[in-house]
Amino acid sequence: MLIDHQMTRLRLGEMLRRVEIARAVARRSLSFARLSPQTHPYATASAKVTVTEEALTVVEEAFRLFGGNGTTCEYPIEKLLRDTQAALIEDGENRVLTMRLGLLAQQLYAEGWAQG
């Protein structure tokens, strides 16, 4: 059985860890949005980028575990791979959002944010 292999268990453990990271980031972003009187688009953009990239990493690893069977419509991994790739560009492409986050960091630094 595939699960009996030590490297498979390592890969599954790594995938589980990444899913938990994504969940924590999504929950933190949701809490921030609910508790703030005025939402900050950079907080949600940062969460969107992190969650979708972690999701893609996990789905690609699962796809590799499935091997050639992952390309068939018989298993849901094929649809998950398409959906996660689409999530990278919907609601703002991840690189553009990350570039805007970098611009915010630059502006904050210029205002003395990092100097304590």
PDB file of N, CA and C in Angstrom:
ATOM      1  N   MET A   1       0.820  -1.179   0.000  1.00  0.00           N
ATOM      2  CA  MET A   1       0.000   0.000   0.000  1.00  0.00           C
ATOM      3  C   MET A   1       0.873   1.255   0.000  1.00  0.00           C
ATOM      4  N   LEU A   2       0.395   2.291  -0.658  1.00  0.00           N
ATOM      5  CA  LEU A   2       1.161   3.527  -0.791  1.00  0.00           C
ATOM      6  C   LEU A   2       1.432   4.186   0.555  1.00  0.00           C
ATOM      7  N   ILE A   3       0.462   4.181   1.450  1.00  0.00           N
ATOM      8  CA  ILE A   3       0.598   4.849   2.747  1.00  0.00           C
ATOM      9  C   ILE A   3       1.662   4.190   3.625  1.00  0.00           C
ATOM     10  N   ASP A   4       2.002   2.950   3.337  1.00  0.00           N
ATOM     11  CA  ASP A   4       2.998   2.237   4.136  1.00  0.00           C
ATOM     12  C   ASP A   4       4.422   2.721   3.872  1.00  0.00           C
ATOM     13  N   HIS A   5       4.623   3.498   2.835  1.00  0.00           N
ATOM     14  CA  HIS A   5       5.955   4.000   2.514  1.00  0.00           C
ATOM     15  C   HIS A   5       6.273   5.232   3.351  1.00  0.00           C
ATOM     16  N   GLN A   6       7.460   5.243   3.885  1.00  0.00           N
ATOM     17  CA  GLN A   6       7.876   6.324   4.773  1.00  0.00           C
ATOM     18  C   GLN A   6       7.831   7.690   4.075  1.00  0.00           C
ATOM     19  N   MET A   7       8.279   7.764   2.845  1.00  0.00           N
ATOM     20  CA  MET A   7       8.284   9.044   2.130  1.00  0.00           C
ATOM     21  C   MET A   7       6.863   9.526   1.826  1.00  0.00           C
ATOM     22  N   THR A   8       5.931   8.610   1.625  1.00  0.00           N
ATOM     23  CA  THR A   8       4.544   9.008   1.411  1.00  0.00           C
ATOM     24  C   THR A   8       3.990   9.643   2.673  1.00  0.00           C
ATOM     25  N   ARG A   9       4.285   9.048   3.817  1.00  0.00           N
ATOM     26  CA  ARG A   9       3.837   9.630   5.083  1.00  0.00           C
ATOM     27  C   ARG A   9       4.461  11.004   5.299  1.00  0.00           C
ATOM     28  N   LEU A  10       5.728  11.164   4.921  1.00  0.00           N
ATOM     29  CA  LEU A  10       6.383  12.468   5.023  1.00  0.00           C
ATOM     30  C   LEU A  10       5.663  13.492   4.147  1.00  0.00           C
ATOM     31  N   ARG A  11       5.355  13.111   2.927  1.00  0.00           N
ATOM     32  CA  ARG A  11       4.669  14.019   2.009  1.00  0.00           C
ATOM     33  C   ARG A  11       3.273  14.373   2.514  1.00  0.00           C
ATOM     34  N   LEU A  12       2.547  13.402   3.046  1.00  0.00           N
ATOM     35  CA  LEU A  12       1.219  13.670   3.596  1.00  0.00           C
ATOM     36  C   LEU A  12       1.297  14.583   4.820  1.00  0.00           C
ATOM     37  N   GLY A  13       2.298  14.352   5.665  1.00  0.00           N
ATOM     38  CA  GLY A  13       2.482  15.213   6.834  1.00  0.00           C
ATOM     39  C   GLY A  13       2.789  16.642   6.431  1.00  0.00           C
ATOM     40  N   GLU A  14       3.596  16.797   5.419  1.00  0.00           N
ATOM     41  CA  GLU A  14       3.929  18.124   4.891  1.00  0.00           C
ATOM     42  C   GLU A  14       2.681  18.797   4.317  1.00  0.00           C
ATOM     43  N   MET A  15       1.865  18.037   3.623  1.00  0.00           N
ATOM     44  CA  MET A  15       0.633  18.576   3.062  1.00  0.00           C
ATOM     45  C   MET A  15      -0.319  18.999   4.182  1.00  0.00           C
ATOM     46  N   LEU A  16      -0.443  18.182   5.210  1.00  0.00           N
ATOM     47  CA  LEU A  16      -1.307  18.509   6.343  1.00  0.00           C
ATOM     48  C   LEU A  16      -0.843  19.792   7.033  1.00  0.00           C
ATOM     49  N   ARG A  17       0.455  19.923   7.201  1.00  0.00           N
ATOM     50  CA  ARG A  17       1.009  21.129   7.825  1.00  0.00           C
ATOM     51  C   ARG A  17       0.679  22.375   7.011  1.00  0.00           C
ATOM     52  N   ARG A  18       0.787  22.282   5.710  1.00  0.00           N
ATOM     53  CA  ARG A  18       0.481  23.426   4.840  1.00  0.00           C
ATOM     54  C   ARG A  18      -1.004  23.774   4.846  1.00  0.00           C
ATOM     55  N   VAL A  19      -1.860  22.761   4.917  1.00  0.00           N
ATOM     56  CA  VAL A  19      -3.302  23.016   4.999  1.00  0.00           C
ATOM     57  C   VAL A  19      -3.619  23.761   6.300  1.00  0.00           C
ATOM     58  N   GLU A  20      -2.995  23.355   7.391  1.00  0.00           N
ATOM     59  CA  GLU A  20      -3.232  24.021   8.675  1.00  0.00           C
ATOM     60  C   GLU A  20      -2.715  25.460   8.666  1.00  0.00           C
ATOM     61  N   ILE A  21      -1.605  25.707   7.986  1.00  0.00           N
ATOM     62  CA  ILE A  21      -1.092  27.074   7.836  1.00  0.00           C
ATOM     63  C   ILE A  21      -2.126  27.922   7.098  1.00  0.00           C
ATOM     64  N   ALA A  22      -2.632  27.401   5.990  1.00  0.00           N
ATOM     65  CA  ALA A  22      -3.619  28.136   5.193  1.00  0.00           C
ATOM     66  C   ALA A  22      -4.889  28.402   5.997  1.00  0.00           C
ATOM     67  N   ARG A  23      -5.336  27.410   6.755  1.00  0.00           N
ATOM     68  CA  ARG A  23      -6.527  27.605   7.587  1.00  0.00           C
ATOM     69  C   ARG A  23      -6.303  28.699   8.625  1.00  0.00           C
ATOM     70  N   ALA A  24      -5.139  28.689   9.257  1.00  0.00           N
ATOM     71  CA  ALA A  24      -4.853  29.690  10.279  1.00  0.00           C
ATOM     72  C   ALA A  24      -4.818  31.095   9.682  1.00  0.00           C
ATOM     73  N   VAL A  25      -4.210  31.238   8.534  1.00  0.00           N
ATOM     74  CA  VAL A  25      -4.139  32.542   7.873  1.00  0.00           C
ATOM     75  C   VAL A  25      -5.536  33.008   7.473  1.00  0.00           C
ATOM     76  N   ALA A  26      -6.334  32.107   6.926  1.00  0.00           N
ATOM     77  CA  ALA A  26      -7.699  32.474   6.512  1.00  0.00           C
ATOM     78  C   ALA A  26      -8.543  32.883   7.719  1.00  0.00           C
ATOM     79  N   ARG A  27      -8.419  32.141   8.814  1.00  0.00           N
ATOM     80  CA  ARG A  27      -9.186  32.488  10.022  1.00  0.00           C
ATOM     81  C   ARG A  27      -8.746  33.822  10.607  1.00  0.00           C
ATOM     82  N   ARG A  28      -7.456  34.065  10.599  1.00  0.00           N
ATOM     83  CA  ARG A  28      -6.947  35.335  11.127  1.00  0.00           C
ATOM     84  C   ARG A  28      -7.444  36.503  10.286  1.00  0.00           C
ATOM     85  N   SER A  29      -7.430  36.347   8.986  1.00  0.00           N
ATOM     86  CA  SER A  29      -7.912  37.392   8.094  1.00  0.00           C
ATOM     87  C   SER A  29      -9.405  37.641   8.298  1.00  0.00           C
ATOM     88  N   LEU A  30     -10.154  36.574   8.453  1.00  0.00           N
ATOM     89  CA  LEU A  30     -11.593  36.703   8.684  1.00  0.00           C
ATOM     90  C   LEU A  30     -11.859  37.412  10.014  1.00  0.00           C
ATOM     91  N   SER A  31     -11.136  37.038  11.043  1.00  0.00           N
ATOM     92  CA  SER A  31     -11.299  37.697  12.354  1.00  0.00           C
ATOM     93  C   SER A  31     -10.969  39.176  12.257  1.00  0.00           C
ATOM     94  N   PHE A  32      -9.901  39.493  11.568  1.00  0.00           N
ATOM     95  CA  PHE A  32      -9.505  40.882  11.395  1.00  0.00           C
ATOM     96  C   PHE A  32     -10.604  41.664  10.678  1.00  0.00           C
ATOM     97  N   ALA A  33     -11.147  41.074   9.616  1.00  0.00           N
ATOM     98  CA  ALA A  33     -12.189  41.752   8.843  1.00  0.00           C
ATOM     99  C   ALA A  33     -13.458  41.954   9.661  1.00  0.00           C
ATOM    100  N   ARG A  34     -13.779  40.979  10.493  1.00  0.00           N
ATOM    101  CA  ARG A  34     -14.992  41.098  11.313  1.00  0.00           C
ATOM    102  C   ARG A  34     -14.829  42.074  12.477  1.00  0.00           C
ATOM    103  N   LEU A  35     -13.643  42.141  13.049  1.00  0.00           N
ATOM    104  CA  LEU A  35     -13.431  42.975  14.234  1.00  0.00           C
ATOM    105  C   LEU A  35     -13.076  44.416  13.911  1.00  0.00           C
ATOM    106  N   SER A  36     -12.571  44.667  12.726  1.00  0.00           N
ATOM    107  CA  SER A  36     -12.156  46.016  12.358  1.00  0.00           C
ATOM    108  C   SER A  36     -13.359  46.842  11.928  1.00  0.00           C
ATOM    109  N   PRO A  37     -13.415  48.087  12.390  1.00  0.00           N
ATOM    110  CA  PRO A  37     -14.504  48.938  11.917  1.00  0.00           C
ATOM    111  C   PRO A  37     -14.374  49.215  10.419  1.00  0.00           C
ATOM    112  N   GLN A  38     -13.141  49.281   9.951  1.00  0.00           N
ATOM    113  CA  GLN A  38     -12.899  49.500   8.527  1.00  0.00           C
ATOM    114  C   GLN A  38     -11.892  48.453   8.067  1.00  0.00           C
ATOM    115  N   THR A  39     -12.261  47.672   7.070  1.00  0.00           N
ATOM    116  CA  THR A  39     -11.362  46.607   6.620  1.00  0.00           C
ATOM    117  C   THR A  39     -10.169  47.198   5.880  1.00  0.00           C
ATOM    118  N   HIS A  40      -9.119  46.449   5.866  1.00  0.00           N
ATOM    119  CA  HIS A  40      -7.907  46.855   5.177  1.00  0.00           C
ATOM    120  C   HIS A  40      -7.670  45.884   4.030  1.00  0.00           C
ATOM    121  N   PRO A  41      -7.737  46.347   2.787  1.00  0.00           N
ATOM    122  CA  PRO A  41      -7.616  45.426   1.658  1.00  0.00           C
ATOM    123  C   PRO A  41      -6.282  44.696   1.612  1.00  0.00           C
ATOM    124  N   TYR A  42      -5.256  45.265   2.191  1.00  0.00           N
ATOM    125  CA  TYR A  42      -3.954  44.594   2.173  1.00  0.00           C
ATOM    126  C   TYR A  42      -3.946  43.357   3.056  1.00  0.00           C
ATOM    127  N   ALA A  43      -4.711  43.382   4.139  1.00  0.00           N
ATOM    128  CA  ALA A  43      -4.793  42.203   5.013  1.00  0.00           C
ATOM    129  C   ALA A  43      -5.467  41.047   4.287  1.00  0.00           C
ATOM    130  N   THR A  44      -6.549  41.340   3.595  1.00  0.00           N
ATOM    131  CA  THR A  44      -7.235  40.272   2.877  1.00  0.00           C
ATOM    132  C   THR A  44      -6.450  39.836   1.638  1.00  0.00           C
ATOM    133  N   ALA A  45      -5.775  40.765   0.999  1.00  0.00           N
ATOM    134  CA  ALA A  45      -4.960  40.409  -0.169  1.00  0.00           C
ATOM    135  C   ALA A  45      -3.805  39.507   0.238  1.00  0.00           C
ATOM    136  N   SER A  46      -3.174  39.832   1.343  1.00  0.00           N
ATOM    137  CA  SER A  46      -2.073  39.009   1.840  1.00  0.00           C
ATOM    138  C   SER A  46      -2.555  37.598   2.154  1.00  0.00           C
ATOM    139  N   ALA A  47      -3.711  37.501   2.796  1.00  0.00           N
ATOM    140  CA  ALA A  47      -4.268  36.184   3.116  1.00  0.00           C
ATOM    141  C   ALA A  47      -4.629  35.419   1.847  1.00  0.00           C
ATOM    142  N   LYS A  48      -5.203  36.108   0.869  1.00  0.00           N
ATOM    143  CA  LYS A  48      -5.593  35.448  -0.378  1.00  0.00           C
ATOM    144  C   LYS A  48      -4.381  34.850  -1.075  1.00  0.00           C
ATOM    145  N   VAL A  49      -3.302  35.615  -1.134  1.00  0.00           N
ATOM    146  CA  VAL A  49      -2.084  35.130  -1.788  1.00  0.00           C
ATOM    147  C   VAL A  49      -1.531  33.919  -1.042  1.00  0.00           C
ATOM    148  N   THR A  50      -1.416  34.017   0.266  1.00  0.00           N
ATOM    149  CA  THR A  50      -0.851  32.927   1.055  1.00  0.00           C
ATOM    150  C   THR A  50      -1.697  31.664   0.949  1.00  0.00           C
ATOM    151  N   VAL A  51      -2.996  31.804   1.118  1.00  0.00           N
ATOM    152  CA  VAL A  51      -3.881  30.635   1.106  1.00  0.00           C
ATOM    153  C   VAL A  51      -3.902  29.964  -0.264  1.00  0.00           C
ATOM    154  N   THR A  52      -4.006  30.738  -1.328  1.00  0.00           N
ATOM    155  CA  THR A  52      -4.082  30.113  -2.654  1.00  0.00           C
ATOM    156  C   THR A  52      -2.759  29.467  -3.056  1.00  0.00           C
ATOM    157  N   GLU A  53      -1.651  30.062  -2.670  1.00  0.00           N
ATOM    158  CA  GLU A  53      -0.359  29.453  -3.014  1.00  0.00           C
ATOM    159  C   GLU A  53      -0.105  28.187  -2.206  1.00  0.00           C
ATOM    160  N   GLU A  54      -0.492  28.183  -0.943  1.00  0.00           N
ATOM    161  CA  GLU A  54      -0.363  26.960  -0.145  1.00  0.00           C
ATOM    162  C   GLU A  54      -1.286  25.878  -0.686  1.00  0.00           C
ATOM    163  N   ALA A  55      -2.494  26.260  -1.080  1.00  0.00           N
ATOM    164  CA  ALA A  55      -3.436  25.291  -1.648  1.00  0.00           C
ATOM    165  C   ALA A  55      -2.869  24.673  -2.919  1.00  0.00           C
ATOM    166  N   LEU A  56      -2.279  25.490  -3.769  1.00  0.00           N
ATOM    167  CA  LEU A  56      -1.702  24.961  -4.999  1.00  0.00           C
ATOM    168  C   LEU A  56      -0.545  24.008  -4.692  1.00  0.00           C
ATOM    169  N   THR A  57       0.277  24.351  -3.730  1.00  0.00           N
ATOM    170  CA  THR A  57       1.398  23.480  -3.348  1.00  0.00           C
ATOM    171  C   THR A  57       0.889  22.119  -2.882  1.00  0.00           C
ATOM    172  N   VAL A  58      -0.151  22.125  -2.050  1.00  0.00           N
ATOM    173  CA  VAL A  58      -0.712  20.875  -1.530  1.00  0.00           C
ATOM    174  C   VAL A  58      -1.347  20.060  -2.652  1.00  0.00           C
ATOM    175  N   VAL A  59      -2.111  20.713  -3.506  1.00  0.00           N
ATOM    176  CA  VAL A  59      -2.793  19.989  -4.587  1.00  0.00           C
ATOM    177  C   VAL A  59      -1.785  19.435  -5.589  1.00  0.00           C
ATOM    178  N   GLU A  60      -0.737  20.179  -5.892  1.00  0.00           N
ATOM    179  CA  GLU A  60       0.287  19.662  -6.810  1.00  0.00           C
ATOM    180  C   GLU A  60       0.983  18.437  -6.220  1.00  0.00           C
ATOM    181  N   GLU A  61       1.237  18.461  -4.925  1.00  0.00           N
ATOM    182  CA  GLU A  61       1.876  17.301  -4.279  1.00  0.00           C
ATOM    183  C   GLU A  61       0.928  16.100  -4.298  1.00  0.00           C
ATOM    184  N   ALA A  62      -0.350  16.332  -4.032  1.00  0.00           N
ATOM    185  CA  ALA A  62      -1.333  15.247  -4.096  1.00  0.00           C
ATOM    186  C   ALA A  62      -1.427  14.706  -5.521  1.00  0.00           C
ATOM    187  N   PHE A  63      -1.367  15.605  -6.487  1.00  0.00           N
ATOM    188  CA  PHE A  63      -1.413  15.204  -7.892  1.00  0.00           C
ATOM    189  C   PHE A  63      -0.232  14.290  -8.223  1.00  0.00           C
ATOM    190  N   ARG A  64       0.934  14.631  -7.691  1.00  0.00           N
ATOM    191  CA  ARG A  64       2.121  13.785  -7.922  1.00  0.00           C
ATOM    192  C   ARG A  64       1.943  12.411  -7.284  1.00  0.00           C
ATOM    193  N   LEU A  65       1.322  12.365  -6.114  1.00  0.00           N
ATOM    194  CA  LEU A  65       1.078  11.077  -5.464  1.00  0.00           C
ATOM    195  C   LEU A  65       0.126  10.205  -6.283  1.00  0.00           C
ATOM    196  N   PHE A  66      -0.846  10.833  -6.924  1.00  0.00           N
ATOM    197  CA  PHE A  66      -1.783  10.087  -7.757  1.00  0.00           C
ATOM    198  C   PHE A  66      -1.123   9.574  -9.029  1.00  0.00           C
ATOM    199  N   GLY A  67      -0.064  10.227  -9.468  1.00  0.00           N
ATOM    200  CA  GLY A  67       0.597   9.814 -10.699  1.00  0.00           C
ATOM    201  C   GLY A  67      -0.294  10.030 -11.901  1.00  0.00           C
ATOM    202  N   GLY A  68      -0.220   9.156 -12.867  1.00  0.00           N
ATOM    203  CA  GLY A  68      -1.019   9.269 -14.086  1.00  0.00           C
ATOM    204  C   GLY A  68      -2.517   9.209 -13.829  1.00  0.00           C
ATOM    205  N   ASN A  69      -2.923   8.532 -12.755  1.00  0.00           N
ATOM    206  CA  ASN A  69      -4.353   8.462 -12.437  1.00  0.00           C
ATOM    207  C   ASN A  69      -4.916   9.836 -12.101  1.00  0.00           C
ATOM    208  N   GLY A  70      -4.078  10.744 -11.676  1.00  0.00           N
ATOM    209  CA  GLY A  70      -4.544  12.080 -11.316  1.00  0.00           C
ATOM    210  C   GLY A  70      -5.069  12.881 -12.492  1.00  0.00           C
ATOM    211  N   THR A  71      -4.706  12.480 -13.689  1.00  0.00           N
ATOM    212  CA  THR A  71      -5.165  13.216 -14.874  1.00  0.00           C
ATOM    213  C   THR A  71      -6.548  12.784 -15.335  1.00  0.00           C
ATOM    214  N   THR A  72      -7.063  11.693 -14.793  1.00  0.00           N
ATOM    215  CA  THR A  72      -8.377  11.211 -15.214  1.00  0.00           C
ATOM    216  C   THR A  72      -9.474  11.910 -14.425  1.00  0.00           C
ATOM    217  N   CYS A  73     -10.660  11.950 -15.006  1.00  0.00           N
ATOM    218  CA  CYS A  73     -11.813  12.559 -14.331  1.00  0.00           C
ATOM    219  C   CYS A  73     -12.384  11.651 -13.253  1.00  0.00           C
ATOM    220  N   GLU A  74     -11.841  10.449 -13.140  1.00  0.00           N
ATOM    221  CA  GLU A  74     -12.318   9.492 -12.145  1.00  0.00           C
ATOM    222  C   GLU A  74     -12.006   9.960 -10.721  1.00  0.00           C
ATOM    223  N   TYR A  75     -10.919  10.694 -10.558  1.00  0.00           N
ATOM    224  CA  TYR A  75     -10.505  11.181  -9.241  1.00  0.00           C
ATOM    225  C   TYR A  75     -10.676  12.698  -9.176  1.00  0.00           C
ATOM    226  N   PRO A  76     -11.045  13.223  -8.018  1.00  0.00           N
ATOM    227  CA  PRO A  76     -11.307  14.676  -7.907  1.00  0.00           C
ATOM    228  C   PRO A  76     -10.058  15.543  -7.961  1.00  0.00           C
ATOM    229  N   ILE A  77      -8.880  14.940  -7.913  1.00  0.00           N
ATOM    230  CA  ILE A  77      -7.643  15.734  -7.872  1.00  0.00           C
ATOM    231  C   ILE A  77      -7.473  16.554  -9.146  1.00  0.00           C
ATOM    232  N   GLU A  78      -7.947  16.041 -10.264  1.00  0.00           N
ATOM    233  CA  GLU A  78      -7.827  16.756 -11.540  1.00  0.00           C
ATOM    234  C   GLU A  78      -8.601  18.079 -11.478  1.00  0.00           C
ATOM    235  N   LYS A  79      -9.801  18.055 -10.923  1.00  0.00           N
ATOM    236  CA  LYS A  79     -10.611  19.272 -10.785  1.00  0.00           C
ATOM    237  C   LYS A  79     -10.004  20.214  -9.744  1.00  0.00           C
ATOM    238  N   LEU A  80      -9.501  19.657  -8.653  1.00  0.00           N
ATOM    239  CA  LEU A  80      -8.869  20.493  -7.627  1.00  0.00           C
ATOM    240  C   LEU A  80      -7.662  21.246  -8.189  1.00  0.00           C
ATOM    241  N   LEU A  81      -6.902  20.581  -9.046  1.00  0.00           N
ATOM    242  CA  LEU A  81      -5.741  21.233  -9.650  1.00  0.00           C
ATOM    243  C   LEU A  81      -6.179  22.403 -10.525  1.00  0.00           C
ATOM    244  N   ARG A  82      -7.203  22.202 -11.332  1.00  0.00           N
ATOM    245  CA  ARG A  82      -7.705  23.302 -12.169  1.00  0.00           C
ATOM    246  C   ARG A  82      -8.255  24.439 -11.317  1.00  0.00           C
ATOM    247  N   ASP A  83      -9.013  24.103 -10.284  1.00  0.00           N
ATOM    248  CA  ASP A  83      -9.622  25.127  -9.432  1.00  0.00           C
ATOM    249  C   ASP A  83      -8.584  25.946  -8.676  1.00  0.00           C
ATOM    250  N   THR A  84      -7.547  25.293  -8.168  1.00  0.00           N
ATOM    251  CA  THR A  84      -6.531  26.047  -7.420  1.00  0.00           C
ATOM    252  C   THR A  84      -5.704  26.931  -8.351  1.00  0.00           C
ATOM    253  N   GLN A  85      -5.463  26.471  -9.557  1.00  0.00           N
ATOM    254  CA  GLN A  85      -4.746  27.323 -10.506  1.00  0.00           C
ATOM    255  C   GLN A  85      -5.576  28.541 -10.873  1.00  0.00           C
ATOM    256  N   ALA A  86      -6.876  28.363 -11.001  1.00  0.00           N
ATOM    257  CA  ALA A  86      -7.758  29.497 -11.294  1.00  0.00           C
ATOM    258  C   ALA A  86      -7.805  30.459 -10.112  1.00  0.00           C
ATOM    259  N   ALA A  87      -7.733  29.936  -8.901  1.00  0.00           N
ATOM    260  CA  ALA A  87      -7.785  30.788  -7.705  1.00  0.00           C
ATOM    261  C   ALA A  87      -6.588  31.737  -7.618  1.00  0.00           C
ATOM    262  N   LEU A  88      -5.489  31.372  -8.264  1.00  0.00           N
ATOM    263  CA  LEU A  88      -4.309  32.245  -8.246  1.00  0.00           C
ATOM    264  C   LEU A  88      -4.546  33.554  -8.988  1.00  0.00           C
ATOM    265  N   ILE A  89      -5.483  33.556  -9.932  1.00  0.00           N
ATOM    266  CA  ILE A  89      -5.696  34.765 -10.730  1.00  0.00           C
ATOM    267  C   ILE A  89      -7.027  35.457 -10.455  1.00  0.00           C
ATOM    268  N   GLU A  90      -7.990  34.740  -9.860  1.00  0.00           N
ATOM    269  CA  GLU A  90      -9.271  35.391  -9.597  1.00  0.00           C
ATOM    270  C   GLU A  90      -9.146  36.333  -8.408  1.00  0.00           C
ATOM    271  N   ASP A  91      -9.936  37.381  -8.416  1.00  0.00           N
ATOM    272  CA  ASP A  91      -9.911  38.416  -7.363  1.00  0.00           C
ATOM    273  C   ASP A  91      -8.547  39.079  -7.254  1.00  0.00           C
ATOM    274  N   GLY A  92      -7.824  39.135  -8.327  1.00  0.00           N
ATOM    275  CA  GLY A  92      -6.507  39.762  -8.339  1.00  0.00           C
ATOM    276  C   GLY A  92      -5.413  38.722  -8.451  1.00  0.00           C
ATOM    277  N   GLU A  93      -4.596  38.847  -9.469  1.00  0.00           N
ATOM    278  CA  GLU A  93      -3.516  37.901  -9.690  1.00  0.00           C
ATOM    279  C   GLU A  93      -2.513  38.022  -8.543  1.00  0.00           C
ATOM    280  N   ASN A  94      -2.015  36.886  -8.063  1.00  0.00           N
ATOM    281  CA  ASN A  94      -1.180  36.871  -6.859  1.00  0.00           C
ATOM    282  C   ASN A  94       0.070  37.736  -6.960  1.00  0.00           C
ATOM    283  N   ARG A  95       0.712  37.767  -8.090  1.00  0.00           N
ATOM    284  CA  ARG A  95       1.938  38.575  -8.201  1.00  0.00           C
ATOM    285  C   ARG A  95       1.619  40.064  -8.131  1.00  0.00           C
ATOM    286  N   VAL A  96       0.508  40.463  -8.727  1.00  0.00           N
ATOM    287  CA  VAL A  96       0.100  41.872  -8.671  1.00  0.00           C
ATOM    288  C   VAL A  96      -0.250  42.255  -7.236  1.00  0.00           C
ATOM    289  N   LEU A  97      -0.992  41.397  -6.554  1.00  0.00           N
ATOM    290  CA  LEU A  97      -1.333  41.668  -5.157  1.00  0.00           C
ATOM    291  C   LEU A  97      -0.078  41.744  -4.286  1.00  0.00           C
ATOM    292  N   THR A  98       0.863  40.853  -4.526  1.00  0.00           N
ATOM    293  CA  THR A  98       2.107  40.854  -3.760  1.00  0.00           C
ATOM    294  C   THR A  98       2.913  42.114  -4.051  1.00  0.00           C
ATOM    295  N   MET A  99       2.896  42.564  -5.303  1.00  0.00           N
ATOM    296  CA  MET A  99       3.592  43.803  -5.656  1.00  0.00           C
ATOM    297  C   MET A  99       2.974  44.978  -4.901  1.00  0.00           C
ATOM    298  N   ARG A 100       1.649  44.998  -4.789  1.00  0.00           N
ATOM    299  CA  ARG A 100       0.986  46.071  -4.040  1.00  0.00           C
ATOM    300  C   ARG A 100       1.317  45.994  -2.558  1.00  0.00           C
ATOM    301  N   LEU A 101       1.454  44.793  -2.034  1.00  0.00           N
ATOM    302  CA  LEU A 101       1.872  44.636  -0.640  1.00  0.00           C
ATOM    303  C   LEU A 101       3.282  45.192  -0.443  1.00  0.00           C
ATOM    304  N   GLY A 102       4.142  44.962  -1.418  1.00  0.00           N
ATOM    305  CA  GLY A 102       5.489  45.517  -1.367  1.00  0.00           C
ATOM    306  C   GLY A 102       5.483  47.028  -1.411  1.00  0.00           C
ATOM    307  N   LEU A 103       4.576  47.606  -2.197  1.00  0.00           N
ATOM    308  CA  LEU A 103       4.440  49.060  -2.257  1.00  0.00           C
ATOM    309  C   LEU A 103       3.995  49.597  -0.904  1.00  0.00           C
ATOM    310  N   LEU A 104       3.066  48.905  -0.258  1.00  0.00           N
ATOM    311  CA  LEU A 104       2.634  49.317   1.074  1.00  0.00           C
ATOM    312  C   LEU A 104       3.800  49.268   2.052  1.00  0.00           C
ATOM    313  N   ALA A 105       4.584  48.205   1.995  1.00  0.00           N
ATOM    314  CA  ALA A 105       5.744  48.086   2.881  1.00  0.00           C
ATOM    315  C   ALA A 105       6.723  49.237   2.650  1.00  0.00           C
ATOM    316  N   GLN A 106       6.914  49.602   1.389  1.00  0.00           N
ATOM    317  CA  GLN A 106       7.801  50.715   1.056  1.00  0.00           C
ATOM    318  C   GLN A 106       7.271  52.019   1.652  1.00  0.00           C
ATOM    319  N   GLN A 107       5.970  52.247   1.526  1.00  0.00           N
ATOM    320  CA  GLN A 107       5.358  53.460   2.052  1.00  0.00           C
ATOM    321  C   GLN A 107       5.434  53.496   3.579  1.00  0.00           C
ATOM    322  N   LEU A 108       5.176  52.374   4.197  1.00  0.00           N
ATOM    323  CA  LEU A 108       5.256  52.309   5.657  1.00  0.00           C
ATOM    324  C   LEU A 108       6.676  52.574   6.135  1.00  0.00           C
ATOM    325  N   TYR A 109       7.650  52.022   5.424  1.00  0.00           N
ATOM    326  CA  TYR A 109       9.052  52.247   5.783  1.00  0.00           C
ATOM    327  C   TYR A 109       9.420  53.715   5.644  1.00  0.00           C
ATOM    328  N   ALA A 110       8.939  54.343   4.563  1.00  0.00           N
ATOM    329  CA  ALA A 110       9.225  55.753   4.341  1.00  0.00           C
ATOM    330  C   ALA A 110       8.613  56.642   5.442  1.00  0.00           C
ATOM    331  N   GLU A 111       7.522  56.185   6.017  1.00  0.00           N
ATOM    332  CA  GLU A 111       6.863  56.929   7.089  1.00  0.00           C
ATOM    333  C   GLU A 111       7.469  56.637   8.472  1.00  0.00           C
ATOM    334  N   GLY A 112       8.503  55.790   8.496  1.00  0.00           N
ATOM    335  CA  GLY A 112       9.172  55.493   9.759  1.00  0.00           C
ATOM    336  C   GLY A 112       8.582  54.327  10.527  1.00  0.00           C
ATOM    337  N   TRP A 113       7.774  53.508   9.866  1.00  0.00           N
ATOM    338  CA  TRP A 113       7.109  52.382  10.520  1.00  0.00           C
ATOM    339  C   TRP A 113       8.095  51.400  11.133  1.00  0.00           C
ATOM    340  N   ALA A 114       9.196  51.124  10.447  1.00  0.00           N
ATOM    341  CA  ALA A 114      10.143  50.100  10.907  1.00  0.00           C
ATOM    342  C   ALA A 114      11.150  50.622  11.910  1.00  0.00           C
ATOM    343  N   GLN A 115      11.170  51.915  12.096  1.00  0.00           N
ATOM    344  CA  GLN A 115      12.148  52.486  13.034  1.00  0.00           C
ATOM    345  C   GLN A 115      11.514  52.580  14.404  1.00  0.00           C
ATOM    346  N   GLY A 116      12.153  52.042  15.378  1.00  0.00           N
ATOM    347  CA  GLY A 116      11.538  51.990  16.689  1.00  0.00           C
ATOM    348  C   GLY A 116      12.313  52.687  17.679  1.00  0.00           C
TER     349      GLY A 116
END
